């Protein structure tokens, strides 16, 4: 049976698009970005190759969409934490905790290894992943910090720079450990790690 042609917009969030992204995620994790073909993704997603191209014109756009989806969840978590009650210290700890929990997931680490491994061959993909992921998350966090500055809880001249500093303080060491296959910290050690990083940040920027 011939599959009926579909139409979609770049922002289409239909079940079919999600079905394709789920298939792409499985295929990228199984075969790697470079080895996986569009035909492989279509087969994994259970759609025709023609339907695949209605939603995505290349593997690069699929990978970028996957990154946007994952980082969008992190950014929404930041917004929810920032809109709730609690002191700036409590909220920064929770933001740090969520960042560590999500960014050290095995699927996220596998995706990072793929980007690092293919970066020289696909520099545009690496750039788009950086813009869709870390840059957007830093922008969302900068917005939260600006709100806290307006409320008098923080004293920051450049919230964008402070946001990048916070993310590096919290994530860099943990991510490096995980990417190099080091065993994770215990939950108690991780809590102490987060407490120290937040305390360092507030030493510099508390009002």
N, C-alpha and C. Protein backbone atom coordinates (compact mmCIF):
# COMPACT_ATOMS: atom_id res chain seq x y z
N UNK A 1 0.84 -1.20 0.00
CA UNK A 1 0.00 0.00 0.00
C UNK A 1 0.88 1.25 0.00
N UNK A 2 0.54 2.20 -0.86
CA UNK A 2 1.29 3.45 -0.92
C UNK A 2 0.85 4.37 0.19
N UNK A 3 1.84 4.91 0.93
CA UNK A 3 1.51 5.80 2.04
C UNK A 3 1.04 7.15 1.51
N UNK A 4 -0.03 7.66 2.09
CA UNK A 4 -0.57 8.95 1.66
C UNK A 4 0.41 10.05 2.00
N UNK A 5 0.64 10.93 1.07
CA UNK A 5 1.58 12.03 1.29
C UNK A 5 1.06 12.93 2.40
N UNK A 6 2.00 13.44 3.20
CA UNK A 6 1.63 14.31 4.31
C UNK A 6 2.22 15.68 4.09
N UNK A 7 1.67 16.64 4.79
CA UNK A 7 2.25 17.97 4.80
C UNK A 7 2.60 18.31 6.23
N UNK A 8 3.65 19.09 6.41
CA UNK A 8 4.08 19.46 7.76
C UNK A 8 4.82 20.78 7.70
N UNK A 9 4.78 21.48 8.78
CA UNK A 9 5.55 22.72 8.90
C UNK A 9 6.76 22.44 9.78
N UNK A 10 7.79 23.31 9.74
CA UNK A 10 8.98 23.08 10.56
C UNK A 10 8.68 22.99 12.05
N UNK A 11 7.58 23.60 12.51
CA UNK A 11 7.26 23.57 13.93
C UNK A 11 6.19 22.53 14.25
N UNK A 12 5.86 21.68 13.26
CA UNK A 12 4.85 20.66 13.46
C UNK A 12 5.24 19.77 14.64
N UNK A 13 4.33 19.60 15.61
CA UNK A 13 4.59 18.77 16.78
C UNK A 13 3.64 17.58 16.80
N UNK A 14 3.37 17.02 15.62
CA UNK A 14 2.40 15.95 15.48
C UNK A 14 2.96 14.63 16.01
N UNK A 15 2.07 13.67 16.30
CA UNK A 15 2.53 12.34 16.72
C UNK A 15 3.46 11.69 15.69
N UNK A 16 3.20 11.92 14.40
CA UNK A 16 4.05 11.33 13.36
C UNK A 16 5.47 11.86 13.45
N UNK A 17 5.60 13.17 13.67
CA UNK A 17 6.94 13.76 13.80
C UNK A 17 7.66 13.17 15.01
N UNK A 18 6.93 13.02 16.12
CA UNK A 18 7.54 12.44 17.32
C UNK A 18 7.92 10.99 17.08
N UNK A 19 7.10 10.28 16.32
CA UNK A 19 7.40 8.89 15.97
C UNK A 19 8.72 8.80 15.20
N UNK A 20 8.91 9.72 14.28
CA UNK A 20 10.15 9.76 13.50
C UNK A 20 11.34 10.08 14.40
N UNK A 21 11.17 11.05 15.29
CA UNK A 21 12.26 11.41 16.19
C UNK A 21 12.62 10.26 17.12
N UNK A 22 11.63 9.52 17.58
CA UNK A 22 11.91 8.35 18.43
C UNK A 22 12.71 7.31 17.65
N UNK A 23 12.33 7.10 16.38
CA UNK A 23 13.08 6.17 15.54
C UNK A 23 14.49 6.65 15.28
N UNK A 24 14.65 7.96 15.06
CA UNK A 24 15.99 8.53 14.83
C UNK A 24 16.85 8.37 16.07
N UNK A 25 16.29 8.61 17.24
CA UNK A 25 17.05 8.47 18.48
C UNK A 25 17.56 7.04 18.64
N UNK A 26 16.68 6.07 18.42
CA UNK A 26 17.09 4.67 18.53
C UNK A 26 18.21 4.35 17.54
N UNK A 27 18.07 4.82 16.31
CA UNK A 27 19.04 4.49 15.28
C UNK A 27 20.38 5.17 15.54
N UNK A 28 20.36 6.44 15.94
CA UNK A 28 21.61 7.14 16.23
C UNK A 28 22.35 6.49 17.38
N UNK A 29 21.61 6.06 18.41
CA UNK A 29 22.26 5.43 19.56
C UNK A 29 22.79 4.05 19.22
N UNK A 30 22.14 3.37 18.28
CA UNK A 30 22.55 2.02 17.91
C UNK A 30 23.72 2.03 16.93
N UNK A 31 23.61 2.84 15.87
CA UNK A 31 24.61 2.81 14.79
C UNK A 31 25.55 4.00 14.79
N UNK A 32 25.21 5.05 15.52
CA UNK A 32 25.99 6.28 15.46
C UNK A 32 25.45 7.19 14.37
N UNK A 33 25.73 8.48 14.52
CA UNK A 33 25.17 9.45 13.60
C UNK A 33 25.65 9.22 12.17
N UNK A 34 26.95 9.03 11.99
CA UNK A 34 27.51 8.95 10.64
C UNK A 34 27.07 7.70 9.92
N UNK A 35 26.99 6.57 10.64
CA UNK A 35 26.66 5.30 9.99
C UNK A 35 25.17 5.15 9.70
N UNK A 36 24.34 5.80 10.47
CA UNK A 36 22.89 5.68 10.27
C UNK A 36 22.47 6.41 9.00
N UNK A 37 21.66 5.76 8.18
CA UNK A 37 21.16 6.38 6.96
C UNK A 37 19.71 6.82 7.15
N UNK A 38 19.23 7.64 6.24
CA UNK A 38 17.83 8.05 6.30
C UNK A 38 16.92 6.83 6.16
N UNK A 39 17.33 5.87 5.34
CA UNK A 39 16.54 4.64 5.20
C UNK A 39 16.49 3.88 6.51
N UNK A 40 17.63 3.84 7.25
CA UNK A 40 17.65 3.19 8.56
C UNK A 40 16.66 3.86 9.51
N UNK A 41 16.66 5.18 9.50
CA UNK A 41 15.76 5.92 10.40
C UNK A 41 14.30 5.65 10.02
N UNK A 42 14.00 5.66 8.72
CA UNK A 42 12.63 5.39 8.28
C UNK A 42 12.17 4.01 8.74
N UNK A 43 13.06 3.03 8.62
CA UNK A 43 12.71 1.67 9.03
C UNK A 43 12.51 1.61 10.54
N UNK A 44 13.40 2.26 11.30
CA UNK A 44 13.28 2.25 12.76
C UNK A 44 12.00 2.95 13.21
N UNK A 45 11.61 4.01 12.49
CA UNK A 45 10.41 4.77 12.86
C UNK A 45 9.13 4.15 12.34
N UNK A 46 9.25 3.21 11.41
CA UNK A 46 8.06 2.58 10.84
C UNK A 46 7.31 3.47 9.89
N UNK A 47 8.05 4.28 9.12
CA UNK A 47 7.43 5.16 8.11
C UNK A 47 8.17 4.98 6.79
N UNK A 48 7.58 5.49 5.72
CA UNK A 48 8.26 5.45 4.44
C UNK A 48 9.33 6.53 4.39
N UNK A 49 10.28 6.35 3.48
CA UNK A 49 11.33 7.36 3.34
C UNK A 49 10.73 8.68 2.86
N UNK A 50 9.69 8.61 2.04
CA UNK A 50 9.03 9.82 1.57
C UNK A 50 8.43 10.62 2.72
N UNK A 51 7.77 9.91 3.65
CA UNK A 51 7.20 10.58 4.81
C UNK A 51 8.30 11.21 5.66
N UNK A 52 9.40 10.52 5.76
CA UNK A 52 10.53 11.04 6.54
C UNK A 52 10.96 12.41 6.02
N UNK A 53 11.03 12.54 4.69
CA UNK A 53 11.50 13.79 4.10
C UNK A 53 10.46 14.91 4.16
N UNK A 54 9.20 14.55 4.42
CA UNK A 54 8.20 15.59 4.64
C UNK A 54 8.53 16.40 5.89
N UNK A 55 9.04 15.70 6.90
CA UNK A 55 9.30 16.34 8.19
C UNK A 55 10.75 16.81 8.35
N UNK A 56 11.69 16.08 7.78
CA UNK A 56 13.11 16.39 7.96
C UNK A 56 13.85 16.18 6.64
N UNK A 57 14.65 17.17 6.26
CA UNK A 57 15.35 17.05 4.98
C UNK A 57 16.73 16.41 5.11
N UNK A 58 17.17 16.12 6.34
CA UNK A 58 18.50 15.52 6.51
C UNK A 58 18.62 14.94 7.92
N UNK A 59 19.66 14.13 8.11
CA UNK A 59 19.95 13.62 9.45
C UNK A 59 20.29 14.76 10.40
N UNK A 60 20.96 15.77 9.86
CA UNK A 60 21.37 16.90 10.70
C UNK A 60 20.17 17.59 11.33
N UNK A 61 19.11 17.82 10.53
CA UNK A 61 17.93 18.50 11.08
C UNK A 61 17.22 17.63 12.10
N UNK A 62 17.26 16.30 11.91
CA UNK A 62 16.66 15.40 12.89
C UNK A 62 17.43 15.46 14.21
N UNK A 63 18.76 15.42 14.11
CA UNK A 63 19.58 15.45 15.31
C UNK A 63 19.38 16.77 16.06
N UNK A 64 19.33 17.86 15.30
CA UNK A 64 19.10 19.17 15.92
C UNK A 64 17.76 19.20 16.63
N UNK A 65 16.73 18.60 16.01
CA UNK A 65 15.40 18.56 16.62
C UNK A 65 15.41 17.76 17.92
N UNK A 66 16.17 16.67 17.94
CA UNK A 66 16.29 15.87 19.16
C UNK A 66 16.93 16.68 20.28
N UNK A 67 17.98 17.44 19.93
CA UNK A 67 18.65 18.28 20.93
C UNK A 67 17.69 19.36 21.44
N UNK A 68 16.97 19.99 20.51
CA UNK A 68 16.01 21.03 20.91
C UNK A 68 14.95 20.47 21.85
N UNK A 69 14.50 19.27 21.57
CA UNK A 69 13.47 18.64 22.40
C UNK A 69 13.99 18.40 23.81
N UNK A 70 15.19 17.81 23.92
CA UNK A 70 15.76 17.51 25.23
C UNK A 70 16.06 18.79 26.00
N UNK A 71 16.68 19.75 25.34
CA UNK A 71 17.03 21.00 26.02
C UNK A 71 15.79 21.81 26.35
N UNK A 72 14.75 21.68 25.53
CA UNK A 72 13.50 22.36 25.83
C UNK A 72 12.93 21.91 27.16
N UNK A 73 13.08 20.61 27.46
CA UNK A 73 12.60 20.11 28.75
C UNK A 73 13.39 20.74 29.89
N UNK A 74 14.71 20.85 29.72
CA UNK A 74 15.54 21.45 30.76
C UNK A 74 15.19 22.92 30.96
N UNK A 75 14.96 23.61 29.87
CA UNK A 75 14.62 25.03 29.97
C UNK A 75 13.27 25.24 30.64
N UNK A 76 12.32 24.35 30.37
CA UNK A 76 11.01 24.45 31.02
C UNK A 76 11.13 24.18 32.51
N UNK A 77 11.99 23.23 32.88
CA UNK A 77 12.22 22.96 34.30
C UNK A 77 12.78 24.20 34.99
N UNK A 78 13.74 24.87 34.35
CA UNK A 78 14.31 26.10 34.92
C UNK A 78 13.22 27.14 35.14
N UNK A 79 12.34 27.31 34.15
CA UNK A 79 11.28 28.31 34.26
C UNK A 79 10.32 27.96 35.40
N UNK A 80 10.00 26.67 35.54
CA UNK A 80 9.08 26.26 36.59
C UNK A 80 9.69 26.49 37.97
N UNK A 81 10.98 26.15 38.12
CA UNK A 81 11.64 26.38 39.40
C UNK A 81 11.68 27.87 39.72
N UNK A 82 12.01 28.68 38.71
CA UNK A 82 12.11 30.12 38.92
C UNK A 82 10.79 30.78 39.24
N UNK A 83 9.68 30.18 38.80
CA UNK A 83 8.37 30.78 39.06
C UNK A 83 7.80 30.37 40.40
N UNK A 84 8.45 29.42 41.06
CA UNK A 84 7.94 28.95 42.35
C UNK A 84 8.49 29.76 43.51
N UNK A 85 8.17 29.32 44.72
CA UNK A 85 8.65 30.00 45.90
C UNK A 85 10.05 29.51 46.28
N UNK A 86 10.58 30.05 47.33
CA UNK A 86 11.89 29.63 47.81
C UNK A 86 12.94 30.70 47.61
N UNK A 87 14.01 30.58 48.38
CA UNK A 87 15.10 31.53 48.28
C UNK A 87 15.89 31.30 47.00
N UNK A 88 16.70 32.28 46.63
CA UNK A 88 17.52 32.13 45.44
C UNK A 88 18.50 30.97 45.61
N UNK A 89 18.99 30.77 46.83
CA UNK A 89 19.92 29.66 47.08
C UNK A 89 19.22 28.32 46.86
N UNK A 90 18.00 28.18 47.39
CA UNK A 90 17.26 26.93 47.21
C UNK A 90 16.96 26.68 45.74
N UNK A 91 16.57 27.72 45.02
CA UNK A 91 16.23 27.55 43.61
C UNK A 91 17.46 27.23 42.77
N UNK A 92 18.58 27.86 43.06
CA UNK A 92 19.80 27.55 42.32
C UNK A 92 20.26 26.12 42.58
N UNK A 93 20.10 25.66 43.81
CA UNK A 93 20.44 24.27 44.09
C UNK A 93 19.57 23.31 43.28
N UNK A 94 18.26 23.61 43.22
CA UNK A 94 17.36 22.74 42.47
C UNK A 94 17.65 22.79 40.98
N UNK A 95 17.95 23.97 40.46
CA UNK A 95 18.33 24.08 39.05
C UNK A 95 19.59 23.27 38.78
N UNK A 96 20.58 23.39 39.67
CA UNK A 96 21.83 22.63 39.51
C UNK A 96 21.56 21.13 39.55
N UNK A 97 20.70 20.73 40.49
CA UNK A 97 20.39 19.30 40.63
C UNK A 97 19.73 18.76 39.36
N UNK A 98 18.79 19.51 38.82
CA UNK A 98 18.10 19.08 37.60
C UNK A 98 19.05 19.04 36.41
N UNK A 99 19.94 20.03 36.32
CA UNK A 99 20.92 20.06 35.24
C UNK A 99 21.79 18.80 35.27
N UNK A 100 22.29 18.47 36.45
CA UNK A 100 23.16 17.30 36.58
C UNK A 100 22.38 16.03 36.24
N UNK A 101 21.18 15.90 36.78
CA UNK A 101 20.39 14.69 36.55
C UNK A 101 20.09 14.47 35.07
N UNK A 102 19.77 15.53 34.35
CA UNK A 102 19.37 15.38 32.95
C UNK A 102 20.58 15.27 32.03
N UNK A 103 21.59 16.09 32.26
CA UNK A 103 22.72 16.12 31.33
C UNK A 103 23.67 14.94 31.50
N UNK A 104 23.55 14.21 32.60
CA UNK A 104 24.40 13.04 32.79
C UNK A 104 23.65 11.74 32.49
N UNK A 105 22.48 11.84 31.91
CA UNK A 105 21.77 10.64 31.47
C UNK A 105 22.57 9.96 30.35
N UNK A 106 22.49 8.64 30.29
CA UNK A 106 23.30 7.89 29.33
C UNK A 106 23.02 8.30 27.89
N UNK A 107 21.74 8.56 27.55
CA UNK A 107 21.41 8.94 26.18
C UNK A 107 22.01 10.30 25.84
N UNK A 108 21.97 11.23 26.78
CA UNK A 108 22.53 12.56 26.54
C UNK A 108 24.05 12.47 26.36
N UNK A 109 24.70 11.67 27.20
CA UNK A 109 26.15 11.50 27.08
C UNK A 109 26.52 10.83 25.75
N UNK A 110 25.73 9.85 25.33
CA UNK A 110 25.98 9.20 24.04
C UNK A 110 25.86 10.20 22.89
N UNK A 111 24.85 11.08 22.98
CA UNK A 111 24.69 12.10 21.94
C UNK A 111 25.87 13.05 21.93
N UNK A 112 26.36 13.42 23.11
CA UNK A 112 27.52 14.31 23.17
C UNK A 112 28.75 13.66 22.55
N UNK A 113 28.94 12.38 22.85
CA UNK A 113 30.08 11.68 22.26
C UNK A 113 29.97 11.65 20.74
N UNK A 114 28.74 11.49 20.24
CA UNK A 114 28.54 11.49 18.79
C UNK A 114 28.92 12.83 18.19
N UNK A 115 28.48 13.91 18.84
CA UNK A 115 28.78 15.25 18.32
C UNK A 115 30.28 15.50 18.35
N UNK A 116 30.92 15.13 19.45
CA UNK A 116 32.38 15.31 19.55
C UNK A 116 33.10 14.48 18.49
N UNK A 117 32.64 13.24 18.29
CA UNK A 117 33.29 12.36 17.33
C UNK A 117 33.12 12.79 15.89
N UNK A 118 32.03 13.47 15.58
CA UNK A 118 31.76 13.87 14.19
C UNK A 118 31.97 15.36 13.97
N UNK A 119 32.43 16.07 14.99
CA UNK A 119 32.52 17.53 14.92
C UNK A 119 33.38 18.04 13.78
N UNK A 120 34.52 17.40 13.54
CA UNK A 120 35.40 17.87 12.47
C UNK A 120 34.77 17.65 11.10
N UNK A 121 34.07 16.55 10.94
CA UNK A 121 33.46 16.23 9.64
C UNK A 121 32.16 17.00 9.43
N UNK A 122 31.44 17.27 10.53
CA UNK A 122 30.16 17.96 10.44
C UNK A 122 30.18 19.18 11.36
N UNK A 123 31.00 20.19 11.06
CA UNK A 123 31.11 21.36 11.95
C UNK A 123 29.80 22.13 12.08
N UNK A 124 29.01 22.18 11.01
CA UNK A 124 27.74 22.90 11.09
C UNK A 124 26.79 22.23 12.08
N UNK A 125 26.81 20.90 12.10
CA UNK A 125 25.97 20.17 13.04
C UNK A 125 26.40 20.47 14.47
N UNK A 126 27.71 20.44 14.73
CA UNK A 126 28.21 20.73 16.07
C UNK A 126 27.81 22.14 16.51
N UNK A 127 27.90 23.09 15.59
CA UNK A 127 27.53 24.47 15.91
C UNK A 127 26.04 24.58 16.23
N UNK A 128 25.21 23.93 15.40
CA UNK A 128 23.76 23.99 15.62
C UNK A 128 23.37 23.33 16.94
N UNK A 129 24.04 22.21 17.27
CA UNK A 129 23.76 21.54 18.54
C UNK A 129 24.11 22.45 19.70
N UNK A 130 25.23 23.15 19.60
CA UNK A 130 25.64 24.06 20.66
C UNK A 130 24.63 25.21 20.80
N UNK A 131 24.20 25.74 19.67
CA UNK A 131 23.24 26.85 19.72
C UNK A 131 21.88 26.39 20.25
N UNK A 132 21.46 25.18 19.85
CA UNK A 132 20.16 24.68 20.27
C UNK A 132 20.16 24.23 21.73
N UNK A 133 21.32 23.79 22.23
CA UNK A 133 21.39 23.25 23.57
C UNK A 133 21.98 24.22 24.58
N UNK A 134 23.30 24.21 24.76
CA UNK A 134 23.92 25.04 25.80
C UNK A 134 23.58 26.52 25.70
N UNK A 135 23.56 27.08 24.49
CA UNK A 135 23.29 28.52 24.36
C UNK A 135 21.87 28.86 24.81
N UNK A 136 20.90 28.05 24.42
CA UNK A 136 19.51 28.32 24.80
C UNK A 136 19.30 28.15 26.30
N UNK A 137 19.92 27.11 26.86
CA UNK A 137 19.80 26.89 28.30
C UNK A 137 20.42 28.05 29.08
N UNK A 138 21.58 28.52 28.61
CA UNK A 138 22.23 29.65 29.27
C UNK A 138 21.36 30.90 29.18
N UNK A 139 20.69 31.08 28.05
CA UNK A 139 19.81 32.25 27.88
C UNK A 139 18.63 32.17 28.85
N UNK A 140 18.04 30.97 29.01
CA UNK A 140 16.92 30.80 29.93
C UNK A 140 17.37 31.08 31.36
N UNK A 141 18.54 30.56 31.74
CA UNK A 141 19.05 30.79 33.08
C UNK A 141 19.37 32.27 33.30
N UNK A 142 19.88 32.93 32.27
CA UNK A 142 20.17 34.37 32.38
C UNK A 142 18.89 35.15 32.67
N UNK A 143 17.78 34.74 32.06
CA UNK A 143 16.51 35.39 32.32
C UNK A 143 16.09 35.23 33.77
N UNK A 144 16.30 34.04 34.32
CA UNK A 144 15.99 33.82 35.74
C UNK A 144 16.87 34.69 36.63
N UNK A 145 18.17 34.74 36.34
CA UNK A 145 19.07 35.56 37.15
C UNK A 145 18.68 37.04 37.09
N UNK A 146 18.26 37.50 35.92
CA UNK A 146 17.83 38.91 35.78
C UNK A 146 16.62 39.20 36.66
N UNK A 147 15.70 38.25 36.76
CA UNK A 147 14.54 38.42 37.63
C UNK A 147 14.98 38.56 39.09
N UNK A 148 15.94 37.75 39.47
CA UNK A 148 16.44 37.80 40.85
C UNK A 148 17.23 39.09 41.12
N UNK A 149 17.87 39.61 40.10
CA UNK A 149 18.55 40.89 40.25
C UNK A 149 17.51 41.99 40.48
N UNK A 150 16.42 41.97 39.72
CA UNK A 150 15.37 42.97 39.87
C UNK A 150 14.73 42.92 41.26
N UNK A 151 14.67 41.72 41.83
CA UNK A 151 14.09 41.55 43.16
C UNK A 151 15.08 41.89 44.27
N UNK A 152 16.32 42.16 43.91
CA UNK A 152 17.32 42.54 44.90
C UNK A 152 18.04 41.38 45.56
N UNK A 153 17.84 40.16 45.03
CA UNK A 153 18.48 38.98 45.63
C UNK A 153 19.91 38.77 45.13
N UNK A 154 20.19 39.27 43.94
CA UNK A 154 21.52 39.11 43.35
C UNK A 154 22.01 40.46 42.85
N UNK A 155 23.31 40.57 42.73
CA UNK A 155 23.93 41.78 42.17
C UNK A 155 24.84 41.34 41.02
N UNK A 156 24.31 41.44 39.80
CA UNK A 156 25.01 40.94 38.60
C UNK A 156 24.93 42.02 37.53
N UNK A 157 26.06 42.35 36.94
CA UNK A 157 26.07 43.32 35.85
C UNK A 157 25.76 42.65 34.51
N UNK A 158 26.26 41.44 34.30
CA UNK A 158 26.07 40.73 33.04
C UNK A 158 25.48 39.35 33.34
N UNK A 159 24.16 39.25 33.25
CA UNK A 159 23.50 37.98 33.58
C UNK A 159 23.85 36.87 32.60
N UNK A 160 24.13 37.23 31.35
CA UNK A 160 24.53 36.23 30.37
C UNK A 160 25.85 35.57 30.76
N UNK A 161 26.82 36.39 31.15
CA UNK A 161 28.12 35.86 31.56
C UNK A 161 27.99 35.06 32.85
N UNK A 162 27.19 35.56 33.79
CA UNK A 162 27.01 34.85 35.06
C UNK A 162 26.31 33.51 34.85
N UNK A 163 25.37 33.47 33.92
CA UNK A 163 24.68 32.22 33.60
C UNK A 163 25.66 31.18 33.08
N UNK A 164 26.53 31.58 32.15
CA UNK A 164 27.52 30.65 31.61
C UNK A 164 28.46 30.17 32.70
N UNK A 165 28.82 31.06 33.61
CA UNK A 165 29.70 30.68 34.72
C UNK A 165 29.03 29.65 35.63
N UNK A 166 27.74 29.84 35.91
CA UNK A 166 27.02 28.90 36.77
C UNK A 166 26.97 27.51 36.13
N UNK A 167 26.65 27.48 34.85
CA UNK A 167 26.57 26.19 34.16
C UNK A 167 27.92 25.50 34.15
N UNK A 168 29.00 26.25 33.90
CA UNK A 168 30.33 25.65 33.92
C UNK A 168 30.70 25.15 35.32
N UNK A 169 30.36 25.94 36.34
CA UNK A 169 30.64 25.53 37.72
C UNK A 169 29.99 24.19 38.05
N UNK A 170 28.74 24.05 37.63
CA UNK A 170 27.96 22.87 38.01
C UNK A 170 28.26 21.67 37.13
N UNK A 171 28.35 21.90 35.81
CA UNK A 171 28.34 20.79 34.86
C UNK A 171 29.72 20.32 34.42
N UNK A 172 30.65 21.23 34.20
CA UNK A 172 31.89 20.88 33.51
C UNK A 172 32.60 19.68 34.12
N UNK A 173 32.86 19.72 35.42
CA UNK A 173 33.60 18.63 36.06
C UNK A 173 32.85 17.32 36.00
N UNK A 174 31.54 17.36 36.27
CA UNK A 174 30.74 16.14 36.26
C UNK A 174 30.62 15.55 34.87
N UNK A 175 30.45 16.42 33.89
CA UNK A 175 30.32 15.94 32.52
C UNK A 175 31.62 15.33 32.02
N UNK A 176 32.73 15.94 32.37
CA UNK A 176 34.03 15.40 31.98
C UNK A 176 34.24 14.01 32.57
N UNK A 177 33.91 13.85 33.86
CA UNK A 177 34.01 12.54 34.49
C UNK A 177 33.17 11.50 33.75
N UNK A 178 31.93 11.88 33.45
CA UNK A 178 31.02 10.93 32.81
C UNK A 178 31.46 10.59 31.39
N UNK A 179 31.90 11.59 30.62
CA UNK A 179 32.32 11.34 29.25
C UNK A 179 33.53 10.43 29.18
N UNK A 180 34.38 10.48 30.21
CA UNK A 180 35.58 9.65 30.26
C UNK A 180 35.34 8.37 31.05
N UNK A 181 34.06 8.02 31.24
CA UNK A 181 33.64 6.74 31.80
C UNK A 181 34.06 6.54 33.25
N UNK A 182 34.21 7.63 34.00
CA UNK A 182 34.50 7.52 35.42
C UNK A 182 33.21 7.19 36.17
N UNK A 183 33.31 6.46 37.29
CA UNK A 183 32.08 6.12 38.04
C UNK A 183 31.43 7.38 38.59
N UNK A 184 30.12 7.41 38.64
CA UNK A 184 29.42 8.60 39.15
C UNK A 184 29.63 8.76 40.65
N UNK A 185 29.45 9.98 41.13
CA UNK A 185 29.50 10.25 42.56
C UNK A 185 28.30 9.62 43.26
N UNK A 186 28.45 9.35 44.53
CA UNK A 186 27.30 8.93 45.32
C UNK A 186 26.34 10.11 45.44
N UNK A 187 25.09 9.83 45.77
CA UNK A 187 24.10 10.91 45.89
C UNK A 187 24.50 11.90 46.97
N UNK A 188 25.11 11.40 48.05
CA UNK A 188 25.54 12.30 49.14
C UNK A 188 26.67 13.21 48.67
N UNK A 189 27.66 12.64 47.98
CA UNK A 189 28.78 13.44 47.48
C UNK A 189 28.30 14.45 46.44
N UNK A 190 27.33 14.03 45.63
CA UNK A 190 26.81 14.94 44.61
C UNK A 190 26.09 16.13 45.23
N UNK A 191 25.34 15.88 46.29
CA UNK A 191 24.67 16.98 46.99
C UNK A 191 25.68 17.96 47.57
N UNK A 192 26.75 17.43 48.15
CA UNK A 192 27.79 18.31 48.69
C UNK A 192 28.47 19.09 47.57
N UNK A 193 28.66 18.45 46.43
CA UNK A 193 29.25 19.10 45.26
C UNK A 193 28.38 20.27 44.81
N UNK A 194 27.08 20.04 44.71
CA UNK A 194 26.14 21.09 44.29
C UNK A 194 26.13 22.23 45.31
N UNK A 195 26.11 21.88 46.59
CA UNK A 195 26.11 22.92 47.62
C UNK A 195 27.34 23.82 47.50
N UNK A 196 28.51 23.24 47.25
CA UNK A 196 29.74 24.03 47.14
C UNK A 196 29.69 24.93 45.92
N UNK A 197 29.19 24.41 44.79
CA UNK A 197 29.14 25.21 43.56
C UNK A 197 28.18 26.39 43.71
N UNK A 198 27.04 26.14 44.29
CA UNK A 198 26.07 27.23 44.49
C UNK A 198 26.64 28.26 45.46
N UNK A 199 27.32 27.79 46.51
CA UNK A 199 27.92 28.71 47.47
C UNK A 199 28.99 29.58 46.80
N UNK A 200 29.79 28.99 45.93
CA UNK A 200 30.81 29.76 45.20
C UNK A 200 30.16 30.83 44.34
N UNK A 201 29.09 30.46 43.66
CA UNK A 201 28.38 31.41 42.79
C UNK A 201 27.83 32.57 43.62
N UNK A 202 27.21 32.25 44.73
CA UNK A 202 26.59 33.29 45.55
C UNK A 202 27.64 34.15 46.25
N UNK A 203 28.81 33.60 46.50
CA UNK A 203 29.89 34.42 47.06
C UNK A 203 30.23 35.58 46.12
N UNK A 204 30.15 35.30 44.82
CA UNK A 204 30.46 36.33 43.84
C UNK A 204 29.28 37.26 43.56
N UNK A 205 28.04 36.75 43.64
CA UNK A 205 26.91 37.52 43.11
C UNK A 205 25.78 37.79 44.10
N UNK A 206 25.85 37.31 45.33
CA UNK A 206 24.77 37.60 46.26
C UNK A 206 24.72 39.10 46.55
N UNK A 207 23.51 39.62 46.69
CA UNK A 207 23.35 41.06 46.95
C UNK A 207 23.85 41.39 48.35
